[in-house]
Amino acid sequence: MQVIKGLENYRKERPLSLALGNFDGVHVGHQKLIRENIRDAARRGSLAAALIFEPHPLRVLYPEKAPRMLISTARKIELFGALGLQLVIQTPFTPDIARLTPEYFAQHVLYLTLGVASVAVGFNYTFGHKGAGTPDTLKSLGQKIGFAVQVVPPVMVGDEVVSSTLVRKALEAGDISAAYRYLGYWPMLEGEVVAGERRGGSIGFPTANLAVPEDIIIPGNGVYAAKIQVRGEIHDAVVNIGRKPTFHDTFPISIEAHILDFHKSIYGDNVRLYFLEKIRDEKRFSSVEELVAQIQSDARLARQKAAEVKLHNFSIP
């Protein structure tokens, strides 16, 4: 899959079937849209592509309202490739872009700059100045200008319309099984292993402390069964997210992974955590001995859960 950064660097060669959206999380609704777009490209003989603006428009227009992202841009592009897209165009979202009218965006960006043959959008897609453009607006403009528009209906899981907001709520509640159903893959975090308080090693459970970008959401406080990808290898892990109440009255939220049957130093490595299930809430223990006994129990449960999970290379099945 080819990735082009900046609209100004795109050169028209073949017509595009273009998926439009933010695609935070690339959840099952996004996956349906992208797969429909790929099928449309195959029918037309066009190139299956997506256009994404970074950062999230709210970070530019209303920073105080901007949500934390489910995944990084790099992970988003990786998932696009797993789905089968041939091209991703990544371009900055700027105040100038925000001021474009729907008509200008359709005529000058989609048609003249990108040369779209067709466009695929979700049922709730908005575009143009102050979000004035809707899927119906885009259909009307497409008919006038000369490109097709496909509007993909919502995807339901149970009685819920899947959305990035719904995934965030599940993760904040520690409901990993719900997040998995909405995403279609195990929720993950990636970050650098940094030095912590080094207390884990002294009680027999050394941990990898992850530094995660501030704009990425993390699951709610608690203990989780997980898998961790380290140096290309997958290991079972038990992960604590929280404020270490046994040792501190107040402490910043930390992400600590105890990797089962693993004894290497990985400070400075970039790793990925894949969350499988919440084991319990975080709690304060009356003694270190009580904490150690609980971690041993947590590790057993994490190992059992990890053994049940069938992996798909942590991509989209």
C-alpha atoms as a PDB file:
ATOM      1  CA  MET A   1       0.000   0.000   0.000  1.00  0.00           C
ATOM      2  CA  GLN A   2       1.257   3.433  -0.920  1.00  0.00           C
ATOM      3  CA  VAL A   3       1.084   6.338   1.534  1.00  0.00           C
ATOM      4  CA  ILE A   4       1.294   9.915   0.275  1.00  0.00           C
ATOM      5  CA  LYS A   5       1.685  12.784   2.725  1.00  0.00           C
ATOM      6  CA  GLY A   6       0.166  16.044   1.555  1.00  0.00           C
ATOM      7  CA  LEU A   7      -2.459  16.659  -1.127  1.00  0.00           C
ATOM      8  CA  GLU A   8       0.118  18.714  -2.993  1.00  0.00           C
ATOM      9  CA  ASN A   9       2.241  15.593  -3.472  1.00  0.00           C
ATOM     10  CA  TYR A  10      -0.494  13.525  -5.143  1.00  0.00           C
ATOM     11  CA  ARG A  11      -0.217  13.061  -8.896  1.00  0.00           C
ATOM     12  CA  LYS A  12      -3.249  11.792 -10.786  1.00  0.00           C
ATOM     13  CA  GLU A  13      -2.568   8.573 -12.665  1.00  0.00           C
ATOM     14  CA  ARG A  14      -5.689   6.447 -12.260  1.00  0.00           C
ATOM     15  CA  PRO A  15      -9.199   7.396 -11.138  1.00  0.00           C
ATOM     16  CA  LEU A  16      -9.769   6.907  -7.426  1.00  0.00           C
ATOM     17  CA  SER A  17     -12.503   5.207  -5.484  1.00  0.00           C
ATOM     18  CA  LEU A  18     -12.024   7.256  -2.346  1.00  0.00           C
ATOM     19  CA  ALA A  19     -13.118   6.524   1.224  1.00  0.00           C
ATOM     20  CA  LEU A  20     -13.632   9.675   3.284  1.00  0.00           C
ATOM     21  CA  GLY A  21     -13.745   9.981   7.067  1.00  0.00           C
ATOM     22  CA  ASN A  22     -11.620  10.250  10.177  1.00  0.00           C
ATOM     23  CA  PHE A  23     -11.690   6.466  10.779  1.00  0.00           C
ATOM     24  CA  ASP A  24     -10.549   6.692  14.408  1.00  0.00           C
ATOM     25  CA  GLY A  25     -10.183   3.102  15.578  1.00  0.00           C
ATOM     26  CA  VAL A  26     -11.039   1.639  12.155  1.00  0.00           C
ATOM     27  CA  HIS A  27     -13.971  -0.073  13.885  1.00  0.00           C
ATOM     28  CA  VAL A  28     -16.417  -2.487  12.234  1.00  0.00           C
ATOM     29  CA  GLY A  29     -18.447   0.377  10.752  1.00  0.00           C
ATOM     30  CA  HIS A  30     -15.330   1.843   9.154  1.00  0.00           C
ATOM     31  CA  GLN A  31     -14.320  -1.606   7.952  1.00  0.00           C
ATOM     32  CA  LYS A  32     -17.642  -2.031   6.163  1.00  0.00           C
ATOM     33  CA  LEU A  33     -17.220   1.337   4.442  1.00  0.00           C
ATOM     34  CA  ILE A  34     -13.676   0.567   3.338  1.00  0.00           C
ATOM     35  CA  ARG A  35     -14.588  -2.897   2.054  1.00  0.00           C
ATOM     36  CA  GLU A  36     -17.497  -1.436   0.081  1.00  0.00           C
ATOM     37  CA  ASN A  37     -15.104   1.128  -1.361  1.00  0.00           C
ATOM     38  CA  ILE A  38     -12.630  -1.597  -2.337  1.00  0.00           C
ATOM     39  CA  ARG A  39     -15.406  -3.560  -4.076  1.00  0.00           C
ATOM     40  CA  ASP A  40     -16.452  -0.419  -5.939  1.00  0.00           C
ATOM     41  CA  ALA A  41     -12.856   0.155  -7.053  1.00  0.00           C
ATOM     42  CA  ALA A  42     -12.667  -3.407  -8.387  1.00  0.00           C
ATOM     43  CA  ARG A  43     -15.851  -2.891 -10.417  1.00  0.00           C
ATOM     44  CA  ARG A  44     -14.630   0.387 -11.869  1.00  0.00           C
ATOM     45  CA  GLY A  45     -10.990  -0.536 -12.361  1.00  0.00           C
ATOM     46  CA  SER A  46     -10.046   2.415 -10.179  1.00  0.00           C
ATOM     47  CA  LEU A  47      -7.594   2.677  -7.305  1.00  0.00           C
ATOM     48  CA  ALA A  48      -8.998   1.913  -3.826  1.00  0.00           C
ATOM     49  CA  ALA A  49      -7.903   4.815  -1.657  1.00  0.00           C
ATOM     50  CA  ALA A  50      -8.652   6.800   1.496  1.00  0.00           C
ATOM     51  CA  LEU A  51      -8.135  10.463   2.330  1.00  0.00           C
ATOM     52  CA  ILE A  52      -7.476  11.260   5.984  1.00  0.00           C
ATOM     53  CA  PHE A  53      -6.907  14.609   7.646  1.00  0.00           C
ATOM     54  CA  GLU A  54      -4.554  14.822  10.623  1.00  0.00           C
ATOM     55  CA  PRO A  55      -4.897  15.875  13.345  1.00  0.00           C
ATOM     56  CA  HIS A  56      -8.565  15.308  14.191  1.00  0.00           C
ATOM     57  CA  PRO A  57     -10.482  18.450  13.072  1.00  0.00           C
ATOM     58  CA  LEU A  58     -11.628  19.159  16.635  1.00  0.00           C
ATOM     59  CA  ARG A  59      -7.987  19.493  17.728  1.00  0.00           C
ATOM     60  CA  VAL A  60      -7.690  22.426  15.332  1.00  0.00           C
ATOM     61  CA  LEU A  61     -11.137  23.988  15.696  1.00  0.00           C
ATOM     62  CA  TYR A  62     -12.117  23.253  19.306  1.00  0.00           C
ATOM     63  CA  PRO A  63      -9.126  21.783  21.171  1.00  0.00           C
ATOM     64  CA  GLU A  64     -11.007  21.703  24.473  1.00  0.00           C
ATOM     65  CA  LYS A  65     -13.605  19.369  22.922  1.00  0.00           C
ATOM     66  CA  ALA A  66     -11.178  17.080  21.114  1.00  0.00           C
ATOM     67  CA  PRO A  67     -11.457  13.417  22.157  1.00  0.00           C
ATOM     68  CA  ARG A  68      -8.469  11.238  22.842  1.00  0.00           C
ATOM     69  CA  MET A  69      -7.816   8.991  19.876  1.00  0.00           C
ATOM     70  CA  LEU A  70      -8.333   5.220  19.858  1.00  0.00           C
ATOM     71  CA  ILE A  71      -5.233   4.545  17.769  1.00  0.00           C
ATOM     72  CA  SER A  72      -2.290   6.401  16.293  1.00  0.00           C
ATOM     73  CA  THR A  73      -2.202   7.466  12.664  1.00  0.00           C
ATOM     74  CA  ALA A  74       0.461   4.842  11.987  1.00  0.00           C
ATOM     75  CA  ARG A  75      -1.777   2.102  13.387  1.00  0.00           C
ATOM     76  CA  LYS A  76      -4.719   3.432  11.352  1.00  0.00           C
ATOM     77  CA  ILE A  77      -2.688   3.201   8.156  1.00  0.00           C
ATOM     78  CA  GLU A  78      -1.529  -0.293   9.104  1.00  0.00           C
ATOM     79  CA  LEU A  79      -5.154  -1.413   9.465  1.00  0.00           C
ATOM     80  CA  PHE A  80      -6.033   0.173   6.125  1.00  0.00           C
ATOM     81  CA  GLY A  81      -3.358  -1.988   4.552  1.00  0.00           C
ATOM     82  CA  ALA A  82      -4.730  -5.098   6.278  1.00  0.00           C
ATOM     83  CA  LEU A  83      -8.148  -4.355   4.800  1.00  0.00           C
ATOM     84  CA  GLY A  84      -6.713  -4.095   1.293  1.00  0.00           C
ATOM     85  CA  LEU A  85      -6.598  -0.401   0.465  1.00  0.00           C
ATOM     86  CA  GLN A  86      -4.059   0.438  -2.213  1.00  0.00           C
ATOM     87  CA  LEU A  87      -3.427   4.090  -1.376  1.00  0.00           C
ATOM     88  CA  VAL A  88      -3.739   6.415   1.613  1.00  0.00           C
ATOM     89  CA  ILE A  89      -3.425  10.168   1.244  1.00  0.00           C
ATOM     90  CA  GLN A  90      -2.641  11.816   4.587  1.00  0.00           C
ATOM     91  CA  THR A  91      -2.840  15.585   4.695  1.00  0.00           C
ATOM     92  CA  PRO A  92      -2.868  18.206   7.466  1.00  0.00           C
ATOM     93  CA  PHE A  93      -6.169  19.599   8.682  1.00  0.00           C
ATOM     94  CA  THR A  94      -5.739  23.352   8.851  1.00  0.00           C
ATOM     95  CA  PRO A  95      -7.956  26.400   9.406  1.00  0.00           C
ATOM     96  CA  ASP A  96      -7.804  26.985   5.641  1.00  0.00           C
ATOM     97  CA  ILE A  97      -9.177  23.490   4.999  1.00  0.00           C
ATOM     98  CA  ALA A  98     -11.885  24.122   7.600  1.00  0.00           C
ATOM     99  CA  ARG A  99     -13.035  27.226   5.728  1.00  0.00           C
ATOM    100  CA  LEU A 100     -13.607  25.436   2.414  1.00  0.00           C
ATOM    101  CA  THR A 101     -17.222  25.299   1.323  1.00  0.00           C
ATOM    102  CA  PRO A 102     -18.719  21.895   0.496  1.00  0.00           C
ATOM    103  CA  GLU A 103     -18.895  22.938  -3.138  1.00  0.00           C
ATOM    104  CA  TYR A 104     -15.238  23.921  -3.283  1.00  0.00           C
ATOM    105  CA  PHE A 105     -14.136  20.756  -1.514  1.00  0.00           C
ATOM    106  CA  ALA A 106     -16.093  18.566  -3.934  1.00  0.00           C
ATOM    107  CA  GLN A 107     -15.048  20.419  -7.077  1.00  0.00           C
ATOM    108  CA  HIS A 108     -11.438  21.358  -6.364  1.00  0.00           C
ATOM    109  CA  VAL A 109     -10.199  18.774  -3.875  1.00  0.00           C
ATOM    110  CA  LEU A 110     -12.106  15.623  -4.775  1.00  0.00           C
ATOM    111  CA  TYR A 111     -12.575  16.086  -8.513  1.00  0.00           C
ATOM    112  CA  LEU A 112      -9.827  18.356  -9.844  1.00  0.00           C
ATOM    113  CA  THR A 113      -6.983  17.507  -7.433  1.00  0.00           C
ATOM    114  CA  LEU A 114      -7.701  13.834  -6.745  1.00  0.00           C
ATOM    115  CA  GLY A 115      -9.661  12.864  -9.834  1.00  0.00           C
ATOM    116  CA  VAL A 116     -12.209  10.704  -8.024  1.00  0.00           C
ATOM    117  CA  ALA A 117     -14.463   8.354  -9.957  1.00  0.00           C
ATOM    118  CA  SER A 118     -16.414   7.561  -6.796  1.00  0.00           C
ATOM    119  CA  VAL A 119     -16.522   8.461  -3.127  1.00  0.00           C
ATOM    120  CA  ALA A 120     -17.675   6.367  -0.162  1.00  0.00           C
ATOM    121  CA  VAL A 121     -18.812   8.000   3.089  1.00  0.00           C
ATOM    122  CA  GLY A 122     -20.631   6.989   6.236  1.00  0.00           C
ATOM    123  CA  PHE A 123     -24.265   7.854   6.937  1.00  0.00           C
ATOM    124  CA  ASN A 124     -23.238  10.653   9.337  1.00  0.00           C
ATOM    125  CA  TYR A 125     -20.364  12.151   7.341  1.00  0.00           C
ATOM    126  CA  THR A 126     -20.053  15.950   7.341  1.00  0.00           C
ATOM    127  CA  PHE A 127     -17.645  18.163   5.432  1.00  0.00           C
ATOM    128  CA  GLY A 128     -17.010  21.756   4.453  1.00  0.00           C
ATOM    129  CA  HIS A 129     -17.189  24.953   6.487  1.00  0.00           C
ATOM    130  CA  LYS A 130     -18.887  24.350   9.859  1.00  0.00           C
ATOM    131  CA  GLY A 131     -19.833  20.840   8.726  1.00  0.00           C
ATOM    132  CA  ALA A 132     -22.415  22.221   6.316  1.00  0.00           C
ATOM    133  CA  GLY A 133     -22.038  19.343   3.859  1.00  0.00           C
ATOM    134  CA  THR A 134     -23.936  16.089   4.419  1.00  0.00           C
ATOM    135  CA  PRO A 135     -24.062  12.798   2.473  1.00  0.00           C
ATOM    136  CA  ASP A 136     -27.064  14.190   0.556  1.00  0.00           C
ATOM    137  CA  THR A 137     -25.058  17.327  -0.240  1.00  0.00           C
ATOM    138  CA  LEU A 138     -22.212  15.172  -1.535  1.00  0.00           C
ATOM    139  CA  LYS A 139     -24.569  13.062  -3.661  1.00  0.00           C
ATOM    140  CA  SER A 140     -26.016  16.187  -5.247  1.00  0.00           C
ATOM    141  CA  LEU A 141     -22.587  17.659  -5.899  1.00  0.00           C
ATOM    142  CA  GLY A 142     -21.329  14.357  -7.306  1.00  0.00           C
ATOM    143  CA  GLN A 143     -24.185  14.212  -9.784  1.00  0.00           C
ATOM    144  CA  LYS A 144     -23.454  17.762 -10.865  1.00  0.00           C
ATOM    145  CA  ILE A 145     -19.664  17.437 -11.100  1.00  0.00           C
ATOM    146  CA  GLY A 146     -19.393  13.875 -12.371  1.00  0.00           C
ATOM    147  CA  PHE A 147     -18.505  11.333  -9.689  1.00  0.00           C
ATOM    148  CA  ALA A 148     -20.503   8.642  -7.922  1.00  0.00           C
ATOM    149  CA  VAL A 149     -21.250   8.718  -4.193  1.00  0.00           C
ATOM    150  CA  GLN A 150     -21.894   5.689  -2.014  1.00  0.00           C
ATOM    151  CA  VAL A 151     -23.373   6.283   1.447  1.00  0.00           C
ATOM    152  CA  VAL A 152     -22.757   3.335   3.761  1.00  0.00           C
ATOM    153  CA  PRO A 153     -25.440   2.747   6.429  1.00  0.00           C
ATOM    154  CA  PRO A 154     -24.609   2.293  10.116  1.00  0.00           C
ATOM    155  CA  VAL A 155     -23.352  -1.006  11.461  1.00  0.00           C
ATOM    156  CA  MET A 156     -25.179  -2.348  14.499  1.00  0.00           C
ATOM    157  CA  VAL A 157     -23.769  -4.489  17.287  1.00  0.00           C
ATOM    158  CA  GLY A 158     -26.759  -5.597  19.321  1.00  0.00           C
ATOM    159  CA  ASP A 159     -28.967  -2.532  19.529  1.00  0.00           C
ATOM    160  CA  GLU A 160     -26.057  -0.069  19.326  1.00  0.00           C
ATOM    161  CA  VAL A 161     -24.846   1.896  16.320  1.00  0.00           C
ATOM    162  CA  VAL A 162     -21.075   1.382  16.303  1.00  0.00           C
ATOM    163  CA  SER A 163     -19.059   4.583  16.594  1.00  0.00           C
ATOM    164  CA  SER A 164     -15.676   5.700  17.843  1.00  0.00           C
ATOM    165  CA  THR A 165     -17.431   7.322  20.802  1.00  0.00           C
ATOM    166  CA  LEU A 166     -19.010   3.981  21.719  1.00  0.00           C
ATOM    167  CA  VAL A 167     -15.591   2.294  21.654  1.00  0.00           C
ATOM    168  CA  ARG A 168     -14.139   5.020  23.901  1.00  0.00           C
ATOM    169  CA  LYS A 169     -16.911   4.534  26.440  1.00  0.00           C
ATOM    170  CA  ALA A 170     -16.325   0.772  26.493  1.00  0.00           C
ATOM    171  CA  LEU A 171     -12.598   1.223  27.054  1.00  0.00           C
ATOM    172  CA  GLU A 172     -13.089   3.827  29.779  1.00  0.00           C
ATOM    173  CA  ALA A 173     -15.383   1.334  31.544  1.00  0.00           C
ATOM    174  CA  GLY A 174     -12.815  -1.445  31.134  1.00  0.00           C
ATOM    175  CA  ASP A 175     -15.288  -3.428  29.024  1.00  0.00           C
ATOM    176  CA  ILE A 176     -12.774  -5.081  26.728  1.00  0.00           C
ATOM    177  CA  SER A 177     -15.230  -7.620  25.301  1.00  0.00           C
ATOM    178  CA  ALA A 178     -17.544  -4.816  24.155  1.00  0.00           C
ATOM    179  CA  ALA A 179     -14.634  -2.869  22.674  1.00  0.00           C
ATOM    180  CA  TYR A 180     -13.571  -6.026  20.824  1.00  0.00           C
ATOM    181  CA  ARG A 181     -17.063  -6.453  19.349  1.00  0.00           C
ATOM    182  CA  TYR A 182     -17.123  -2.847  18.170  1.00  0.00           C
ATOM    183  CA  LEU A 183     -13.565  -2.848  16.827  1.00  0.00           C
ATOM    184  CA  GLY A 184     -13.426  -6.350  15.369  1.00  0.00           C
ATOM    185  CA  TYR A 185      -9.917  -6.780  16.825  1.00  0.00           C
ATOM    186  CA  TRP A 186      -8.299  -6.621  20.259  1.00  0.00           C
ATOM    187  CA  PRO A 187      -7.882  -3.049  21.556  1.00  0.00           C
ATOM    188  CA  MET A 188      -4.263  -2.065  21.826  1.00  0.00           C
ATOM    189  CA  LEU A 189      -1.801   0.472  23.158  1.00  0.00           C
ATOM    190  CA  GLU A 190       1.705   1.087  21.960  1.00  0.00           C
ATOM    191  CA  GLY A 191       4.486   3.032  23.586  1.00  0.00           C
ATOM    192  CA  GLU A 192       8.050   3.148  24.820  1.00  0.00           C
ATOM    193  CA  VAL A 193       9.183   1.154  27.849  1.00  0.00           C
ATOM    194  CA  VAL A 194      10.489   3.685  30.361  1.00  0.00           C
ATOM    195  CA  ALA A 195      11.975   3.482  33.834  1.00  0.00           C
ATOM    196  CA  GLY A 196       9.468   3.301  36.662  1.00  0.00           C
ATOM    197  CA  GLU A 197       9.900   3.029  40.405  1.00  0.00           C
ATOM    198  CA  ARG A 198      11.557  -0.389  39.982  1.00  0.00           C
ATOM    199  CA  ARG A 199       9.477  -1.758  42.833  1.00  0.00           C
ATOM    200  CA  GLY A 200       8.083  -4.682  40.829  1.00  0.00           C
ATOM    201  CA  GLY A 201      11.431  -6.416  40.556  1.00  0.00           C
ATOM    202  CA  SER A 202      11.977  -6.203  44.297  1.00  0.00           C
ATOM    203  CA  ILE A 203       8.761  -8.161  44.980  1.00  0.00           C
ATOM    204  CA  GLY A 204       9.311 -10.720  42.220  1.00  0.00           C
ATOM    205  CA  PHE A 205       7.153  -9.168  39.505  1.00  0.00           C
ATOM    206  CA  PRO A 206       9.212  -6.842  37.297  1.00  0.00           C
ATOM    207  CA  THR A 207       7.123  -4.659  35.028  1.00  0.00           C
ATOM    208  CA  ALA A 208       7.508  -2.823  31.749  1.00  0.00           C
ATOM    209  CA  ASN A 209       6.215   0.718  32.245  1.00  0.00           C
ATOM    210  CA  LEU A 210       4.702   2.164  29.089  1.00  0.00           C
ATOM    211  CA  ALA A 211       4.817   5.819  28.093  1.00  0.00           C
ATOM    212  CA  VAL A 212       1.806   6.354  25.837  1.00  0.00           C
ATOM    213  CA  PRO A 213       1.124   9.560  23.859  1.00  0.00           C
ATOM    214  CA  GLU A 214      -1.233  11.872  25.748  1.00  0.00           C
ATOM    215  CA  ASP A 215      -3.733  12.034  22.895  1.00  0.00           C
ATOM    216  CA  ILE A 216      -4.339   8.252  22.944  1.00  0.00           C
ATOM    217  CA  ILE A 217      -7.075   6.842  25.173  1.00  0.00           C
ATOM    218  CA  ILE A 218      -6.215   4.147  27.701  1.00  0.00           C
ATOM    219  CA  PRO A 219      -8.595   1.633  29.305  1.00  0.00           C
ATOM    220  CA  GLY A 220     -10.050   2.430  32.713  1.00  0.00           C
ATOM    221  CA  ASN A 221      -8.092   1.698  35.858  1.00  0.00           C
ATOM    222  CA  GLY A 222      -7.781  -1.955  36.750  1.00  0.00           C
ATOM    223  CA  VAL A 223      -5.901  -5.184  36.103  1.00  0.00           C
ATOM    224  CA  TYR A 224      -6.066  -6.798  32.670  1.00  0.00           C
ATOM    225  CA  ALA A 225      -5.126 -10.000  30.911  1.00  0.00           C
ATOM    226  CA  ALA A 226      -3.116  -9.040  27.855  1.00  0.00           C
ATOM    227  CA  LYS A 227      -0.657  -9.984  25.175  1.00  0.00           C
ATOM    228  CA  ILE A 228       2.450  -7.924  24.525  1.00  0.00           C
ATOM    229  CA  GLN A 229       4.481  -7.709  21.351  1.00  0.00           C
ATOM    230  CA  VAL A 230       8.171  -7.259  22.119  1.00  0.00           C
ATOM    231  CA  ARG A 231      10.868  -7.313  19.429  1.00  0.00           C
ATOM    232  CA  GLY A 232       8.532  -9.125  17.055  1.00  0.00           C
ATOM    233  CA  GLU A 233       7.556 -11.817  19.568  1.00  0.00           C
ATOM    234  CA  ILE A 234       4.247 -12.249  21.404  1.00  0.00           C
ATOM    235  CA  HIS A 235       4.120 -12.950  25.147  1.00  0.00           C
ATOM    236  CA  ASP A 236       1.354 -13.258  27.727  1.00  0.00           C
ATOM    237  CA  ALA A 237       1.105 -10.448  30.253  1.00  0.00           C
ATOM    238  CA  VAL A 238      -0.857  -9.086  33.167  1.00  0.00           C
ATOM    239  CA  VAL A 239      -1.270  -5.312  33.093  1.00  0.00           C
ATOM    240  CA  ASN A 240      -2.081  -2.820  35.819  1.00  0.00           C
ATOM    241  CA  ILE A 241      -3.464   0.597  34.903  1.00  0.00           C
ATOM    242  CA  GLY A 242      -3.851   2.979  37.805  1.00  0.00           C
ATOM    243  CA  ARG A 243      -2.355   5.044  40.593  1.00  0.00           C
ATOM    244  CA  LYS A 244      -0.610   2.397  42.756  1.00  0.00           C
ATOM    245  CA  PRO A 245      -2.825   2.980  45.820  1.00  0.00           C
ATOM    246  CA  THR A 246      -0.954   0.421  47.953  1.00  0.00           C
ATOM    247  CA  PHE A 247       2.155   2.627  47.829  1.00  0.00           C
ATOM    248  CA  HIS A 248       0.832   6.142  47.166  1.00  0.00           C
ATOM    249  CA  ASP A 249      -2.012   8.379  48.272  1.00  0.00           C
ATOM    250  CA  THR A 250      -1.749  10.279  45.002  1.00  0.00           C
ATOM    251  CA  PHE A 251       0.147   9.220  41.897  1.00  0.00           C
ATOM    252  CA  PRO A 252      -0.152   9.774  38.130  1.00  0.00           C
ATOM    253  CA  ILE A 253      -1.869   7.007  36.193  1.00  0.00           C
ATOM    254  CA  SER A 254       0.698   4.449  35.053  1.00  0.00           C
ATOM    255  CA  ILE A 255       0.584   1.457  32.706  1.00  0.00           C
ATOM    256  CA  GLU A 256       2.639  -1.471  34.011  1.00  0.00           C
ATOM    257  CA  ALA A 257       2.915  -4.822  32.223  1.00  0.00           C
ATOM    258  CA  HIS A 258       4.329  -7.875  33.948  1.00  0.00           C
ATOM    259  CA  ILE A 259       5.398 -10.150  31.095  1.00  0.00           C
ATOM    260  CA  LEU A 260       4.969 -13.796  32.005  1.00  0.00           C
ATOM    261  CA  ASP A 261       8.040 -16.038  31.655  1.00  0.00           C
ATOM    262  CA  PHE A 262      10.150 -13.152  30.350  1.00  0.00           C
ATOM    263  CA  HIS A 263      13.456 -11.985  31.826  1.00  0.00           C
ATOM    264  CA  LYS A 264      15.029  -9.530  29.369  1.00  0.00           C
ATOM    265  CA  SER A 265      15.691  -5.825  29.838  1.00  0.00           C
ATOM    266  CA  ILE A 266      13.632  -3.883  27.308  1.00  0.00           C
ATOM    267  CA  TYR A 267      14.068  -0.278  28.457  1.00  0.00           C
ATOM    268  CA  GLY A 268      13.754   2.020  25.454  1.00  0.00           C
ATOM    269  CA  ASP A 269      11.928  -0.561  23.321  1.00  0.00           C
ATOM    270  CA  ASN A 270       8.632   0.261  21.648  1.00  0.00           C
ATOM    271  CA  VAL A 271       6.054  -2.411  22.462  1.00  0.00           C
ATOM    272  CA  ARG A 272       2.370  -3.120  21.853  1.00  0.00           C
ATOM    273  CA  LEU A 273      -0.127  -4.220  24.462  1.00  0.00           C
ATOM    274  CA  TYR A 274      -3.273  -6.042  23.343  1.00  0.00           C
ATOM    275  CA  PHE A 275      -5.992  -6.123  25.990  1.00  0.00           C
ATOM    276  CA  LEU A 276      -7.998  -9.339  26.315  1.00  0.00           C
ATOM    277  CA  GLU A 277     -10.094  -8.999  29.468  1.00  0.00           C
ATOM    278  CA  LYS A 278     -10.374  -6.988  32.653  1.00  0.00           C
ATOM    279  CA  ILE A 279      -9.582  -9.213  35.648  1.00  0.00           C
ATOM    280  CA  ARG A 280     -10.454  -6.857  38.484  1.00  0.00           C
ATOM    281  CA  ASP A 281     -10.552  -3.262  39.684  1.00  0.00           C
ATOM    282  CA  GLU A 282      -7.465  -1.653  41.152  1.00  0.00           C
ATOM    283  CA  LYS A 283      -7.433  -1.721  44.960  1.00  0.00           C
ATOM    284  CA  ARG A 284      -5.309  -0.821  47.954  1.00  0.00           C
ATOM    285  CA  PHE A 285      -3.735  -3.748  49.813  1.00  0.00           C
ATOM    286  CA  SER A 286      -2.888  -3.757  53.502  1.00  0.00           C
ATOM    287  CA  SER A 287       0.553  -5.289  52.955  1.00  0.00           C
ATOM    288  CA  VAL A 288       3.082  -6.117  50.262  1.00  0.00           C
ATOM    289  CA  GLU A 289       2.514  -9.824  50.986  1.00  0.00           C
ATOM    290  CA  GLU A 290      -1.187  -9.452  50.254  1.00  0.00           C
ATOM    291  CA  LEU A 291      -0.383  -7.630  47.025  1.00  0.00           C
ATOM    292  CA  VAL A 292       2.064 -10.345  45.916  1.00  0.00           C
ATOM    293  CA  ALA A 293      -0.534 -13.077  46.555  1.00  0.00           C
ATOM    294  CA  GLN A 294      -3.058 -11.128  44.453  1.00  0.00           C
ATOM    295  CA  ILE A 295      -0.601 -10.594  41.592  1.00  0.00           C
ATOM    296  CA  GLN A 296       0.085 -14.339  41.547  1.00  0.00           C
ATOM    297  CA  SER A 297      -3.647 -14.972  41.207  1.00  0.00           C
ATOM    298  CA  ASP A 298      -3.950 -12.265  38.528  1.00  0.00           C
ATOM    299  CA  ALA A 299      -1.093 -13.829  36.563  1.00  0.00           C
ATOM    300  CA  ARG A 300      -2.776 -17.244  36.620  1.00  0.00           C
ATOM    301  CA  LEU A 301      -6.014 -15.773  35.319  1.00  0.00           C
ATOM    302  CA  ALA A 302      -4.170 -13.779  32.657  1.00  0.00           C
ATOM    303  CA  ARG A 303      -2.369 -16.896  31.472  1.00  0.00           C
ATOM    304  CA  GLN A 304      -5.666 -18.815  31.256  1.00  0.00           C
ATOM    305  CA  LYS A 305      -7.356 -16.049  29.265  1.00  0.00           C
ATOM    306  CA  ALA A 306      -4.396 -15.666  26.914  1.00  0.00           C
ATOM    307  CA  ALA A 307      -4.464 -19.398  26.197  1.00  0.00           C
ATOM    308  CA  GLU A 308      -8.109 -19.108  25.058  1.00  0.00           C
ATOM    309  CA  VAL A 309      -7.463 -16.353  22.545  1.00  0.00           C
ATOM    310  CA  LYS A 310      -6.956 -17.217  18.893  1.00  0.00           C
ATOM    311  CA  LEU A 311      -4.858 -14.533  17.297  1.00  0.00           C
ATOM    312  CA  HIS A 312      -4.991 -13.140  13.788  1.00  0.00           C
ATOM    313  CA  ASN A 313      -1.576 -11.494  13.861  1.00  0.00           C
ATOM    314  CA  PHE A 314      -3.403  -8.710  15.731  1.00  0.00           C
ATOM    315  CA  SER A 315      -4.909  -7.551  12.474  1.00  0.00           C
ATOM    316  CA  ILE A 316      -8.480  -7.621  11.245  1.00  0.00           C
ATOM    317  CA  PRO A 317      -9.806 -11.191  10.874  1.00  0.00           C
END
